[in-house]
Amino acid sequence: MSRPVVLVSAAALAPQAVAMLEAAGYAVVCTTGYPSEDELIGALHAHQPVALLHRQGFINGAVLDAGAPALRVVARHGAGMDGIDVPAAAQRGITVTRAAGANSRAVAEHTWTLLLALAKDLPSITAGMAGGLWEKTSRQTRDIEGRTLGIVGYGAIGAKVARYAEGFGMHVLAYDPYLPGAGLPGPGERVPTLADLLPRADILSLHCPLAGDTKGMIDAACLAALPRGALVVNAARGGVVRETDLLAALDSGHIAGAAIDVFETEPPPTDSALRRHPKVIATPHIAANTPNGAAAMATGAADCIISVLAGRTPKLEGAIVSQGTKIASAAA
């Protein structure tokens, strides 16, 4: 009797995750590279997997229908859910999970790498050195200690960023309307609204998901509310920031610099004004791409699949985004 299939929408999956799935009795099939919608539909038709471990692209109703009737779980290799039409999955009785918090350390570390490089003007100073300049007396960089870091989104990543900020002697403000309770599960002062945070933040760091209420949230008005000379760091999702408004704020000098790992369109055009701007440090959505981060996301997603299909709760807190109705028969 053939084993049920877990389809991976990528050319490879961390060996630890493959071993977990195979030990649980599943066959793991990876696509060739990151598939287009048509390629993914073809793979679903061909393999009829019980689970799709999703890494890249957008999972819409047409893709979900291609997996019918076998498909029971879509597991996100990561925490962001903007690549999956969750309501469409719920309508089809398919459970959606995410590797919540699995990549938090890697993303928090990358955030701080971007933040420090931006505050200390490292790219331009390094370029000057390579070009023969010695700017010892003509350059000044920024202090971190004593400054205020405004964090938007205080989940696993935001909380780690706050802990690192505490070590640097920064004051942390946090805004997260979805965080339960009145306090914070880490250091910082919680503020009730974004409007309360912005005027006090010397550096703004974004760690919120891309959703209906966050798309374009950081717009011209929000950027204008930051103190003149503030810095913006975005390692969350590109669509949270209106890029045209950020460009205008950088050009006017109101925002002194931005460090960006994510863009509204990925990859952004090679002639993108934002990725080529002299006040911008840009990386290619790579914050979670460390060996430990990738392995944690893969094994977290694998555990979600194994647990849900076995009728258990996944190990990662908050892993289940939407509970489907096909799971009752999953163990059969």
C-alpha atoms as a PDB file:
ATOM      1  CA  MET A   1       0.000   0.000   0.000  1.00  0.00           C
ATOM      2  CA  SER A   2       1.505   3.364  -1.010  1.00  0.00           C
ATOM      3  CA  ARG A   3       2.186   5.973   1.633  1.00  0.00           C
ATOM      4  CA  PRO A   4       0.180   9.233   1.730  1.00  0.00           C
ATOM      5  CA  VAL A   5       2.062  12.133   0.142  1.00  0.00           C
ATOM      6  CA  VAL A   6       3.177  15.448   1.585  1.00  0.00           C
ATOM      7  CA  LEU A   7       3.876  17.851  -1.287  1.00  0.00           C
ATOM      8  CA  VAL A   8       6.472  20.603  -0.747  1.00  0.00           C
ATOM      9  CA  SER A   9       6.173  23.725  -2.914  1.00  0.00           C
ATOM     10  CA  ALA A  10       9.950  24.046  -3.252  1.00  0.00           C
ATOM     11  CA  ALA A  11      12.831  22.025  -4.656  1.00  0.00           C
ATOM     12  CA  ALA A  12      14.058  20.941  -1.239  1.00  0.00           C
ATOM     13  CA  LEU A  13      13.132  20.713   2.421  1.00  0.00           C
ATOM     14  CA  ALA A  14      15.441  20.567   5.430  1.00  0.00           C
ATOM     15  CA  PRO A  15      16.560  16.933   5.918  1.00  0.00           C
ATOM     16  CA  GLN A  16      15.365  16.964   9.534  1.00  0.00           C
ATOM     17  CA  ALA A  17      11.818  17.725   8.382  1.00  0.00           C
ATOM     18  CA  VAL A  18      11.920  15.093   5.639  1.00  0.00           C
ATOM     19  CA  ALA A  19      13.049  12.518   8.208  1.00  0.00           C
ATOM     20  CA  MET A  20      10.192  13.494  10.556  1.00  0.00           C
ATOM     21  CA  LEU A  21       7.563  13.101   7.849  1.00  0.00           C
ATOM     22  CA  GLU A  22       8.960   9.818   6.562  1.00  0.00           C
ATOM     23  CA  ALA A  23       9.174   8.395  10.091  1.00  0.00           C
ATOM     24  CA  ALA A  24       5.494   9.281  10.513  1.00  0.00           C
ATOM     25  CA  GLY A  25       4.633   7.265   7.406  1.00  0.00           C
ATOM     26  CA  TYR A  26       4.449   9.938   4.710  1.00  0.00           C
ATOM     27  CA  ALA A  27       6.177  10.164   1.346  1.00  0.00           C
ATOM     28  CA  VAL A  28       7.743  13.582   0.711  1.00  0.00           C
ATOM     29  CA  VAL A  29       7.588  14.977  -2.823  1.00  0.00           C
ATOM     30  CA  CYS A  30       9.250  18.302  -3.677  1.00  0.00           C
ATOM     31  CA  THR A  31       8.442  20.395  -6.719  1.00  0.00           C
ATOM     32  CA  THR A  32      11.057  21.624  -9.173  1.00  0.00           C
ATOM     33  CA  GLY A  33      12.132  24.994  -7.801  1.00  0.00           C
ATOM     34  CA  TYR A  34       9.389  27.343  -6.662  1.00  0.00           C
ATOM     35  CA  PRO A  35       6.393  26.407  -8.842  1.00  0.00           C
ATOM     36  CA  SER A  36       4.076  28.730 -10.705  1.00  0.00           C
ATOM     37  CA  GLU A  37       0.367  28.409  -9.978  1.00  0.00           C
ATOM     38  CA  ASP A  38      -0.124  26.126 -13.000  1.00  0.00           C
ATOM     39  CA  GLU A  39       2.860  23.977 -12.021  1.00  0.00           C
ATOM     40  CA  LEU A  40       1.594  23.639  -8.466  1.00  0.00           C
ATOM     41  CA  ILE A  41      -1.880  22.711  -9.694  1.00  0.00           C
ATOM     42  CA  GLY A  42      -0.309  20.064 -11.925  1.00  0.00           C
ATOM     43  CA  ALA A  43       1.706  18.662  -9.017  1.00  0.00           C
ATOM     44  CA  LEU A  44      -1.374  18.495  -6.805  1.00  0.00           C
ATOM     45  CA  HIS A  45      -3.341  16.688  -9.521  1.00  0.00           C
ATOM     46  CA  ALA A  46      -0.474  14.264 -10.070  1.00  0.00           C
ATOM     47  CA  HIS A  47       0.303  13.372  -6.439  1.00  0.00           C
ATOM     48  CA  GLN A  48      -3.003  13.963  -4.596  1.00  0.00           C
ATOM     49  CA  PRO A  49      -1.216  14.825  -1.329  1.00  0.00           C
ATOM     50  CA  VAL A  50      -2.877  14.791   2.077  1.00  0.00           C
ATOM     51  CA  ALA A  51      -0.817  17.867   2.992  1.00  0.00           C
ATOM     52  CA  LEU A  52       0.873  20.745   1.196  1.00  0.00           C
ATOM     53  CA  LEU A  53       3.946  22.216   2.890  1.00  0.00           C
ATOM     54  CA  HIS A  54       3.915  25.690   1.399  1.00  0.00           C
ATOM     55  CA  ARG A  55       7.045  27.788   0.899  1.00  0.00           C
ATOM     56  CA  GLN A  56       6.493  30.149  -2.041  1.00  0.00           C
ATOM     57  CA  GLY A  57       3.705  31.610  -4.186  1.00  0.00           C
ATOM     58  CA  PHE A  58       0.024  32.135  -3.451  1.00  0.00           C
ATOM     59  CA  ILE A  59      -2.400  29.382  -2.468  1.00  0.00           C
ATOM     60  CA  ASN A  60      -5.840  30.318  -3.776  1.00  0.00           C
ATOM     61  CA  GLY A  61      -9.090  28.455  -4.317  1.00  0.00           C
ATOM     62  CA  ALA A  62      -8.008  27.013  -7.664  1.00  0.00           C
ATOM     63  CA  VAL A  63      -4.868  25.536  -6.109  1.00  0.00           C
ATOM     64  CA  LEU A  64      -6.837  24.107  -3.187  1.00  0.00           C
ATOM     65  CA  ASP A  65      -9.390  22.575  -5.554  1.00  0.00           C
ATOM     66  CA  ALA A  66      -6.571  20.835  -7.428  1.00  0.00           C
ATOM     67  CA  GLY A  67      -5.755  18.953  -4.234  1.00  0.00           C
ATOM     68  CA  ALA A  68      -9.327  17.726  -3.714  1.00  0.00           C
ATOM     69  CA  PRO A  69     -10.456  15.450  -2.280  1.00  0.00           C
ATOM     70  CA  ALA A  70      -7.245  14.245  -0.628  1.00  0.00           C
ATOM     71  CA  LEU A  71      -5.823  17.552   0.626  1.00  0.00           C
ATOM     72  CA  ARG A  72      -6.441  18.047   4.345  1.00  0.00           C
ATOM     73  CA  VAL A  73      -3.698  20.391   5.558  1.00  0.00           C
ATOM     74  CA  VAL A  74      -1.789  23.386   4.185  1.00  0.00           C
ATOM     75  CA  ALA A  75       1.227  24.050   6.402  1.00  0.00           C
ATOM     76  CA  ARG A  76       3.116  27.313   5.999  1.00  0.00           C
ATOM     77  CA  HIS A  77       6.919  27.129   6.087  1.00  0.00           C
ATOM     78  CA  GLY A  78       7.049  30.313   8.176  1.00  0.00           C
ATOM     79  CA  ALA A  79       4.692  32.542  10.138  1.00  0.00           C
ATOM     80  CA  GLY A  80       3.305  34.964   7.527  1.00  0.00           C
ATOM     81  CA  MET A  81      -0.082  33.983   6.124  1.00  0.00           C
ATOM     82  CA  ASP A  82      -0.417  36.497   3.275  1.00  0.00           C
ATOM     83  CA  GLY A  83       0.515  33.726   0.799  1.00  0.00           C
ATOM     84  CA  ILE A  84      -2.540  31.598   1.622  1.00  0.00           C
ATOM     85  CA  ASP A  85      -6.226  32.330   1.093  1.00  0.00           C
ATOM     86  CA  VAL A  86      -7.244  31.121   4.539  1.00  0.00           C
ATOM     87  CA  PRO A  87     -11.023  31.690   4.084  1.00  0.00           C
ATOM     88  CA  ALA A  88     -10.922  29.636   0.860  1.00  0.00           C
ATOM     89  CA  ALA A  89      -9.223  26.803   2.733  1.00  0.00           C
ATOM     90  CA  ALA A  90     -11.778  27.002   5.541  1.00  0.00           C
ATOM     91  CA  GLN A  91     -14.629  26.811   3.007  1.00  0.00           C
ATOM     92  CA  ARG A  92     -13.113  23.571   1.691  1.00  0.00           C
ATOM     93  CA  GLY A  93     -12.625  22.051   5.135  1.00  0.00           C
ATOM     94  CA  ILE A  94      -8.818  22.265   4.922  1.00  0.00           C
ATOM     95  CA  THR A  95      -6.779  23.061   8.032  1.00  0.00           C
ATOM     96  CA  VAL A  96      -4.168  25.820   7.700  1.00  0.00           C
ATOM     97  CA  THR A  97      -1.140  25.930   9.994  1.00  0.00           C
ATOM     98  CA  ARG A  98       2.004  28.012  10.349  1.00  0.00           C
ATOM     99  CA  ALA A  99       5.413  27.566  11.926  1.00  0.00           C
ATOM    100  CA  ALA A 100       4.636  30.276  14.470  1.00  0.00           C
ATOM    101  CA  GLY A 101       7.724  31.684  16.145  1.00  0.00           C
ATOM    102  CA  ALA A 102      10.084  29.138  14.579  1.00  0.00           C
ATOM    103  CA  ASN A 103      12.173  31.765  12.795  1.00  0.00           C
ATOM    104  CA  SER A 104      11.948  34.432  15.489  1.00  0.00           C
ATOM    105  CA  ARG A 105      15.581  34.372  16.555  1.00  0.00           C
ATOM    106  CA  ALA A 106      16.920  34.580  12.996  1.00  0.00           C
ATOM    107  CA  VAL A 107      14.603  37.462  12.069  1.00  0.00           C
ATOM    108  CA  ALA A 108      15.277  39.350  15.301  1.00  0.00           C
ATOM    109  CA  GLU A 109      19.026  39.042  14.746  1.00  0.00           C
ATOM    110  CA  HIS A 110      18.694  40.256  11.148  1.00  0.00           C
ATOM    111  CA  THR A 111      16.547  43.154  12.326  1.00  0.00           C
ATOM    112  CA  TRP A 112      19.281  44.231  14.705  1.00  0.00           C
ATOM    113  CA  THR A 113      21.939  43.802  12.028  1.00  0.00           C
ATOM    114  CA  LEU A 114      19.958  46.149   9.792  1.00  0.00           C
ATOM    115  CA  LEU A 115      19.253  48.570  12.642  1.00  0.00           C
ATOM    116  CA  LEU A 116      22.881  48.875  13.733  1.00  0.00           C
ATOM    117  CA  ALA A 117      24.215  49.103  10.184  1.00  0.00           C
ATOM    118  CA  LEU A 118      21.699  51.884   9.500  1.00  0.00           C
ATOM    119  CA  ALA A 119      22.383  53.776  12.721  1.00  0.00           C
ATOM    120  CA  LYS A 120      26.138  53.617  12.183  1.00  0.00           C
ATOM    121  CA  ASP A 121      26.013  54.359   8.401  1.00  0.00           C
ATOM    122  CA  LEU A 122      28.132  51.272   7.784  1.00  0.00           C
ATOM    123  CA  PRO A 123      27.400  50.722   4.062  1.00  0.00           C
ATOM    124  CA  SER A 124      28.343  54.261   3.016  1.00  0.00           C
ATOM    125  CA  ILE A 125      31.363  54.387   5.340  1.00  0.00           C
ATOM    126  CA  THR A 126      32.590  51.017   4.055  1.00  0.00           C
ATOM    127  CA  ALA A 127      32.106  52.185   0.467  1.00  0.00           C
ATOM    128  CA  GLY A 128      34.111  55.317   1.278  1.00  0.00           C
ATOM    129  CA  MET A 129      36.951  53.229   2.671  1.00  0.00           C
ATOM    130  CA  ALA A 130      36.941  51.020  -0.419  1.00  0.00           C
ATOM    131  CA  GLY A 131      37.050  54.184  -2.544  1.00  0.00           C
ATOM    132  CA  GLY A 132      40.097  55.542  -0.763  1.00  0.00           C
ATOM    133  CA  LEU A 133      38.421  57.900   1.734  1.00  0.00           C
ATOM    134  CA  TRP A 134      39.448  58.271   5.383  1.00  0.00           C
ATOM    135  CA  GLU A 135      36.503  60.021   7.025  1.00  0.00           C
ATOM    136  CA  LYS A 136      37.673  59.890  10.624  1.00  0.00           C
ATOM    137  CA  THR A 137      36.989  63.553  11.372  1.00  0.00           C
ATOM    138  CA  SER A 138      34.257  64.297   8.832  1.00  0.00           C
ATOM    139  CA  ARG A 139      31.825  61.539   9.882  1.00  0.00           C
ATOM    140  CA  GLN A 140      29.617  61.021  12.919  1.00  0.00           C
ATOM    141  CA  THR A 141      27.302  58.083  13.498  1.00  0.00           C
ATOM    142  CA  ARG A 142      24.296  57.743  15.794  1.00  0.00           C
ATOM    143  CA  ASP A 143      24.046  56.643  19.409  1.00  0.00           C
ATOM    144  CA  ILE A 144      21.743  53.740  20.281  1.00  0.00           C
ATOM    145  CA  GLU A 145      21.811  53.850  24.076  1.00  0.00           C
ATOM    146  CA  GLY A 146      19.132  56.114  25.479  1.00  0.00           C
ATOM    147  CA  ARG A 147      17.140  56.202  22.247  1.00  0.00           C
ATOM    148  CA  THR A 148      13.550  55.029  21.899  1.00  0.00           C
ATOM    149  CA  LEU A 149      12.724  52.006  19.754  1.00  0.00           C
ATOM    150  CA  GLY A 150       9.106  51.789  18.620  1.00  0.00           C
ATOM    151  CA  ILE A 151       8.036  48.216  17.867  1.00  0.00           C
ATOM    152  CA  VAL A 152       4.850  47.566  15.894  1.00  0.00           C
ATOM    153  CA  GLY A 153       3.835  43.942  16.447  1.00  0.00           C
ATOM    154  CA  TYR A 154       4.955  42.278  19.673  1.00  0.00           C
ATOM    155  CA  GLY A 155       4.828  38.602  18.804  1.00  0.00           C
ATOM    156  CA  ALA A 156       7.763  36.210  19.097  1.00  0.00           C
ATOM    157  CA  ILE A 157       9.976  38.334  16.824  1.00  0.00           C
ATOM    158  CA  GLY A 158       9.008  41.711  18.249  1.00  0.00           C
ATOM    159  CA  ALA A 159       9.579  40.459  21.797  1.00  0.00           C
ATOM    160  CA  LYS A 160      13.086  39.224  20.924  1.00  0.00           C
ATOM    161  CA  VAL A 161      13.919  42.532  19.249  1.00  0.00           C
ATOM    162  CA  ALA A 162      12.791  44.271  22.446  1.00  0.00           C
ATOM    163  CA  ARG A 163      15.027  42.064  24.600  1.00  0.00           C
ATOM    164  CA  TYR A 164      18.036  42.902  22.445  1.00  0.00           C
ATOM    165  CA  ALA A 165      17.128  46.599  22.694  1.00  0.00           C
ATOM    166  CA  GLU A 166      17.083  46.318  26.473  1.00  0.00           C
ATOM    167  CA  GLY A 167      20.674  45.079  26.330  1.00  0.00           C
ATOM    168  CA  PHE A 168      21.636  48.186  24.353  1.00  0.00           C
ATOM    169  CA  GLY A 169      20.069  50.473  26.947  1.00  0.00           C
ATOM    170  CA  MET A 170      17.197  51.592  24.734  1.00  0.00           C
ATOM    171  CA  HIS A 171      13.701  52.516  25.827  1.00  0.00           C
ATOM    172  CA  VAL A 172      11.128  50.305  24.087  1.00  0.00           C
ATOM    173  CA  LEU A 173       7.594  51.279  23.111  1.00  0.00           C
ATOM    174  CA  ALA A 174       5.318  48.559  21.747  1.00  0.00           C
ATOM    175  CA  TYR A 175       2.023  48.701  19.882  1.00  0.00           C
ATOM    176  CA  ASP A 176       0.095  45.496  19.207  1.00  0.00           C
ATOM    177  CA  PRO A 177      -3.718  45.605  19.256  1.00  0.00           C
ATOM    178  CA  TYR A 178      -3.969  41.796  19.079  1.00  0.00           C
ATOM    179  CA  LEU A 179      -1.768  41.028  22.066  1.00  0.00           C
ATOM    180  CA  PRO A 180      -3.920  39.648  24.907  1.00  0.00           C
ATOM    181  CA  GLY A 181      -3.895  41.258  28.326  1.00  0.00           C
ATOM    182  CA  ALA A 182      -2.768  44.718  29.317  1.00  0.00           C
ATOM    183  CA  GLY A 183       0.985  44.251  29.590  1.00  0.00           C
ATOM    184  CA  LEU A 184       3.802  42.814  27.481  1.00  0.00           C
ATOM    185  CA  PRO A 185       5.398  39.335  27.626  1.00  0.00           C
ATOM    186  CA  GLY A 186       8.788  41.045  27.526  1.00  0.00           C
ATOM    187  CA  PRO A 187      10.476  44.399  28.142  1.00  0.00           C
ATOM    188  CA  GLY A 188       8.986  47.697  27.071  1.00  0.00           C
ATOM    189  CA  GLU A 189       6.106  50.081  27.560  1.00  0.00           C
ATOM    190  CA  ARG A 190       2.879  49.160  25.834  1.00  0.00           C
ATOM    191  CA  VAL A 191       1.001  52.018  24.173  1.00  0.00           C
ATOM    192  CA  PRO A 192      -2.680  51.862  23.185  1.00  0.00           C
ATOM    193  CA  THR A 193      -2.459  53.258  19.655  1.00  0.00           C
ATOM    194  CA  LEU A 194       0.011  53.698  16.842  1.00  0.00           C
ATOM    195  CA  ALA A 195      -0.497  57.446  17.169  1.00  0.00           C
ATOM    196  CA  ASP A 196       0.841  57.228  20.734  1.00  0.00           C
ATOM    197  CA  LEU A 197       3.978  55.424  19.578  1.00  0.00           C
ATOM    198  CA  LEU A 198       5.090  57.305  16.475  1.00  0.00           C
ATOM    199  CA  PRO A 199       5.989  60.772  17.863  1.00  0.00           C
ATOM    200  CA  ARG A 200       8.202  59.157  20.520  1.00  0.00           C
ATOM    201  CA  ALA A 201      10.087  56.649  18.340  1.00  0.00           C
ATOM    202  CA  ASP A 202      13.623  57.488  17.231  1.00  0.00           C
ATOM    203  CA  ILE A 203      13.660  54.155  15.404  1.00  0.00           C
ATOM    204  CA  LEU A 204      10.559  52.359  14.117  1.00  0.00           C
ATOM    205  CA  SER A 205      10.799  48.566  13.722  1.00  0.00           C
ATOM    206  CA  LEU A 206       7.947  46.645  12.095  1.00  0.00           C
ATOM    207  CA  HIS A 207       7.035  43.085  13.063  1.00  0.00           C
ATOM    208  CA  CYS A 208       3.348  42.805  12.174  1.00  0.00           C
ATOM    209  CA  PRO A 209       1.686  40.499   9.614  1.00  0.00           C
ATOM    210  CA  LEU A 210       0.326  41.744   6.308  1.00  0.00           C
ATOM    211  CA  ALA A 211      -3.457  41.784   6.648  1.00  0.00           C
ATOM    212  CA  GLY A 212      -6.387  43.979   5.726  1.00  0.00           C
ATOM    213  CA  ASP A 213      -5.798  46.357   8.621  1.00  0.00           C
ATOM    214  CA  THR A 214      -2.015  46.558   8.195  1.00  0.00           C
ATOM    215  CA  LYS A 215      -1.688  46.853   4.416  1.00  0.00           C
ATOM    216  CA  GLY A 216      -0.304  50.323   3.717  1.00  0.00           C
ATOM    217  CA  MET A 217      -0.517  51.135   7.439  1.00  0.00           C
ATOM    218  CA  ILE A 218       2.764  53.070   7.503  1.00  0.00           C
ATOM    219  CA  ASP A 219       1.827  55.870   5.136  1.00  0.00           C
ATOM    220  CA  ALA A 220       2.778  59.525   4.667  1.00  0.00           C
ATOM    221  CA  ALA A 221       0.870  60.623   7.777  1.00  0.00           C
ATOM    222  CA  CYS A 222       2.536  57.984   9.962  1.00  0.00           C
ATOM    223  CA  LEU A 223       5.998  58.811   8.638  1.00  0.00           C
ATOM    224  CA  ALA A 224       5.372  62.517   9.219  1.00  0.00           C
ATOM    225  CA  ALA A 225       4.385  61.742  12.820  1.00  0.00           C
ATOM    226  CA  LEU A 226       7.830  60.259  13.526  1.00  0.00           C
ATOM    227  CA  PRO A 227      10.461  62.704  14.828  1.00  0.00           C
ATOM    228  CA  ARG A 228      12.550  64.326  12.107  1.00  0.00           C
ATOM    229  CA  GLY A 229      15.639  62.191  11.520  1.00  0.00           C
ATOM    230  CA  ALA A 230      13.960  58.943  12.595  1.00  0.00           C
ATOM    231  CA  LEU A 231      14.989  55.588  11.137  1.00  0.00           C
ATOM    232  CA  VAL A 232      12.645  52.892   9.790  1.00  0.00           C
ATOM    233  CA  VAL A 233      13.403  49.155   9.812  1.00  0.00           C
ATOM    234  CA  ASN A 234      11.076  46.688   8.080  1.00  0.00           C
ATOM    235  CA  ALA A 235      11.705  42.951   8.338  1.00  0.00           C
ATOM    236  CA  ALA A 236       7.974  42.093   8.410  1.00  0.00           C
ATOM    237  CA  ARG A 237       6.159  42.425   5.077  1.00  0.00           C
ATOM    238  CA  GLY A 238       6.700  44.986   2.325  1.00  0.00           C
ATOM    239  CA  GLY A 239       3.033  45.848   1.939  1.00  0.00           C
ATOM    240  CA  VAL A 240       2.852  47.219   5.489  1.00  0.00           C
ATOM    241  CA  VAL A 241       4.708  50.336   4.274  1.00  0.00           C
ATOM    242  CA  ARG A 242       3.594  52.555   1.390  1.00  0.00           C
ATOM    243  CA  GLU A 243       6.838  52.624  -0.565  1.00  0.00           C
ATOM    244  CA  THR A 244       6.068  55.833  -2.464  1.00  0.00           C
ATOM    245  CA  ASP A 245       5.428  57.606   0.836  1.00  0.00           C
ATOM    246  CA  LEU A 246       8.653  56.250   2.318  1.00  0.00           C
ATOM    247  CA  LEU A 247      10.599  57.448  -0.722  1.00  0.00           C
ATOM    248  CA  ALA A 248       9.127  60.923  -0.361  1.00  0.00           C
ATOM    249  CA  ALA A 249      10.001  61.023   3.352  1.00  0.00           C
ATOM    250  CA  LEU A 250      13.575  59.925   2.624  1.00  0.00           C
ATOM    251  CA  ASP A 251      13.964  62.495  -0.153  1.00  0.00           C
ATOM    252  CA  SER A 252      12.645  65.281   2.062  1.00  0.00           C
ATOM    253  CA  GLY A 253      15.067  64.334   4.834  1.00  0.00           C
ATOM    254  CA  HIS A 254      12.316  63.813   7.407  1.00  0.00           C
ATOM    255  CA  ILE A 255      13.264  60.127   7.551  1.00  0.00           C
ATOM    256  CA  ALA A 256      17.044  59.854   7.806  1.00  0.00           C
ATOM    257  CA  GLY A 257      17.266  56.255   6.608  1.00  0.00           C
ATOM    258  CA  ALA A 258      15.493  52.960   6.133  1.00  0.00           C
ATOM    259  CA  ALA A 259      16.606  49.339   6.344  1.00  0.00           C
ATOM    260  CA  ILE A 260      14.376  46.971   4.400  1.00  0.00           C
ATOM    261  CA  ASP A 261      14.299  43.196   4.022  1.00  0.00           C
ATOM    262  CA  VAL A 262      10.856  43.072   2.379  1.00  0.00           C
ATOM    263  CA  PHE A 263       9.166  44.851  -0.526  1.00  0.00           C
ATOM    264  CA  GLU A 264       5.656  45.377  -1.875  1.00  0.00           C
ATOM    265  CA  THR A 265       6.674  43.438  -5.003  1.00  0.00           C
ATOM    266  CA  GLU A 266       9.303  40.723  -4.677  1.00  0.00           C
ATOM    267  CA  PRO A 267      11.737  40.784  -6.178  1.00  0.00           C
ATOM    268  CA  PRO A 268      11.480  44.544  -6.730  1.00  0.00           C
ATOM    269  CA  PRO A 269      12.527  45.815 -10.171  1.00  0.00           C
ATOM    270  CA  THR A 270      16.274  46.275 -10.555  1.00  0.00           C
ATOM    271  CA  ASP A 271      15.675  49.974 -11.172  1.00  0.00           C
ATOM    272  CA  SER A 272      13.477  50.328  -8.070  1.00  0.00           C
ATOM    273  CA  ALA A 273      14.083  53.751  -6.561  1.00  0.00           C
ATOM    274  CA  LEU A 274      13.762  52.314  -3.068  1.00  0.00           C
ATOM    275  CA  ARG A 275      16.307  49.514  -3.403  1.00  0.00           C
ATOM    276  CA  ARG A 276      18.780  51.926  -5.042  1.00  0.00           C
ATOM    277  CA  HIS A 277      18.225  54.865  -2.683  1.00  0.00           C
ATOM    278  CA  PRO A 278      21.404  56.135  -0.960  1.00  0.00           C
ATOM    279  CA  LYS A 279      19.634  56.270   2.417  1.00  0.00           C
ATOM    280  CA  VAL A 280      18.373  52.684   2.189  1.00  0.00           C
ATOM    281  CA  ILE A 281      19.981  49.428   3.255  1.00  0.00           C
ATOM    282  CA  ALA A 282      18.219  46.611   1.394  1.00  0.00           C
ATOM    283  CA  THR A 283      18.396  42.833   1.718  1.00  0.00           C
ATOM    284  CA  PRO A 284      16.439  40.253  -0.356  1.00  0.00           C
ATOM    285  CA  HIS A 285      13.860  38.944   2.162  1.00  0.00           C
ATOM    286  CA  ILE A 286      16.595  36.902   3.764  1.00  0.00           C
ATOM    287  CA  ALA A 287      16.059  37.520   7.482  1.00  0.00           C
ATOM    288  CA  ALA A 288      14.944  33.955   8.252  1.00  0.00           C
ATOM    289  CA  ASN A 289      17.461  32.296   5.938  1.00  0.00           C
ATOM    290  CA  THR A 290      19.926  30.894   8.419  1.00  0.00           C
ATOM    291  CA  PRO A 291      20.612  27.155   8.814  1.00  0.00           C
ATOM    292  CA  ASN A 292      18.883  27.081  12.196  1.00  0.00           C
ATOM    293  CA  GLY A 293      16.047  29.341  11.078  1.00  0.00           C
ATOM    294  CA  ALA A 294      15.291  27.315   7.947  1.00  0.00           C
ATOM    295  CA  ALA A 295      15.461  24.027   9.841  1.00  0.00           C
ATOM    296  CA  ALA A 296      13.170  25.335  12.591  1.00  0.00           C
ATOM    297  CA  MET A 297      10.566  26.505  10.078  1.00  0.00           C
ATOM    298  CA  ALA A 298      10.711  23.192   8.200  1.00  0.00           C
ATOM    299  CA  THR A 299      10.476  20.996  11.282  1.00  0.00           C
ATOM    300  CA  GLY A 300       7.776  23.248  12.721  1.00  0.00           C
ATOM    301  CA  ALA A 301       5.710  22.884   9.550  1.00  0.00           C
ATOM    302  CA  ALA A 302       6.333  19.119   9.503  1.00  0.00           C
ATOM    303  CA  ASP A 303       5.198  18.785  13.123  1.00  0.00           C
ATOM    304  CA  CYS A 304       2.038  20.730  12.270  1.00  0.00           C
ATOM    305  CA  ILE A 305       1.217  18.277   9.482  1.00  0.00           C
ATOM    306  CA  ILE A 306       1.971  15.170  11.553  1.00  0.00           C
ATOM    307  CA  SER A 307       0.123  16.445  14.619  1.00  0.00           C
ATOM    308  CA  VAL A 308      -2.987  17.702  12.860  1.00  0.00           C
ATOM    309  CA  LEU A 309      -3.406  14.561  10.769  1.00  0.00           C
ATOM    310  CA  ALA A 310      -2.984  12.466  13.928  1.00  0.00           C
ATOM    311  CA  GLY A 311      -5.567  14.535  15.799  1.00  0.00           C
ATOM    312  CA  ARG A 312      -3.023  16.173  18.122  1.00  0.00           C
ATOM    313  CA  THR A 313      -2.191  19.805  18.897  1.00  0.00           C
ATOM    314  CA  PRO A 314       1.044  21.001  17.217  1.00  0.00           C
ATOM    315  CA  LYS A 315       3.973  21.815  19.500  1.00  0.00           C
ATOM    316  CA  LEU A 316       4.246  25.425  18.344  1.00  0.00           C
ATOM    317  CA  GLU A 317       1.825  27.734  20.138  1.00  0.00           C
ATOM    318  CA  GLY A 318      -0.563  29.455  17.739  1.00  0.00           C
ATOM    319  CA  ALA A 319       0.269  27.045  14.914  1.00  0.00           C
ATOM    320  CA  ILE A 320      -3.325  26.408  13.813  1.00  0.00           C
ATOM    321  CA  VAL A 321      -4.672  29.341  11.836  1.00  0.00           C
ATOM    322  CA  SER A 322      -7.877  27.707  10.630  1.00  0.00           C
ATOM    323  CA  GLN A 323      -9.270  24.318  11.647  1.00  0.00           C
ATOM    324  CA  GLY A 324     -10.744  22.301   8.788  1.00  0.00           C
ATOM    325  CA  THR A 325     -13.457  19.654   8.868  1.00  0.00           C
ATOM    326  CA  LYS A 326     -11.576  16.916   6.991  1.00  0.00           C
ATOM    327  CA  ILE A 327      -9.388  16.108   9.985  1.00  0.00           C
ATOM    328  CA  ALA A 328     -11.871  13.726  11.613  1.00  0.00           C
ATOM    329  CA  SER A 329     -11.079  11.157   8.917  1.00  0.00           C
ATOM    330  CA  ALA A 330      -7.380  12.031   8.626  1.00  0.00           C
ATOM    331  CA  ALA A 331      -6.070   9.147  10.714  1.00  0.00           C
ATOM    332  CA  ALA A 332      -8.060   6.575   8.773  1.00  0.00           C
END
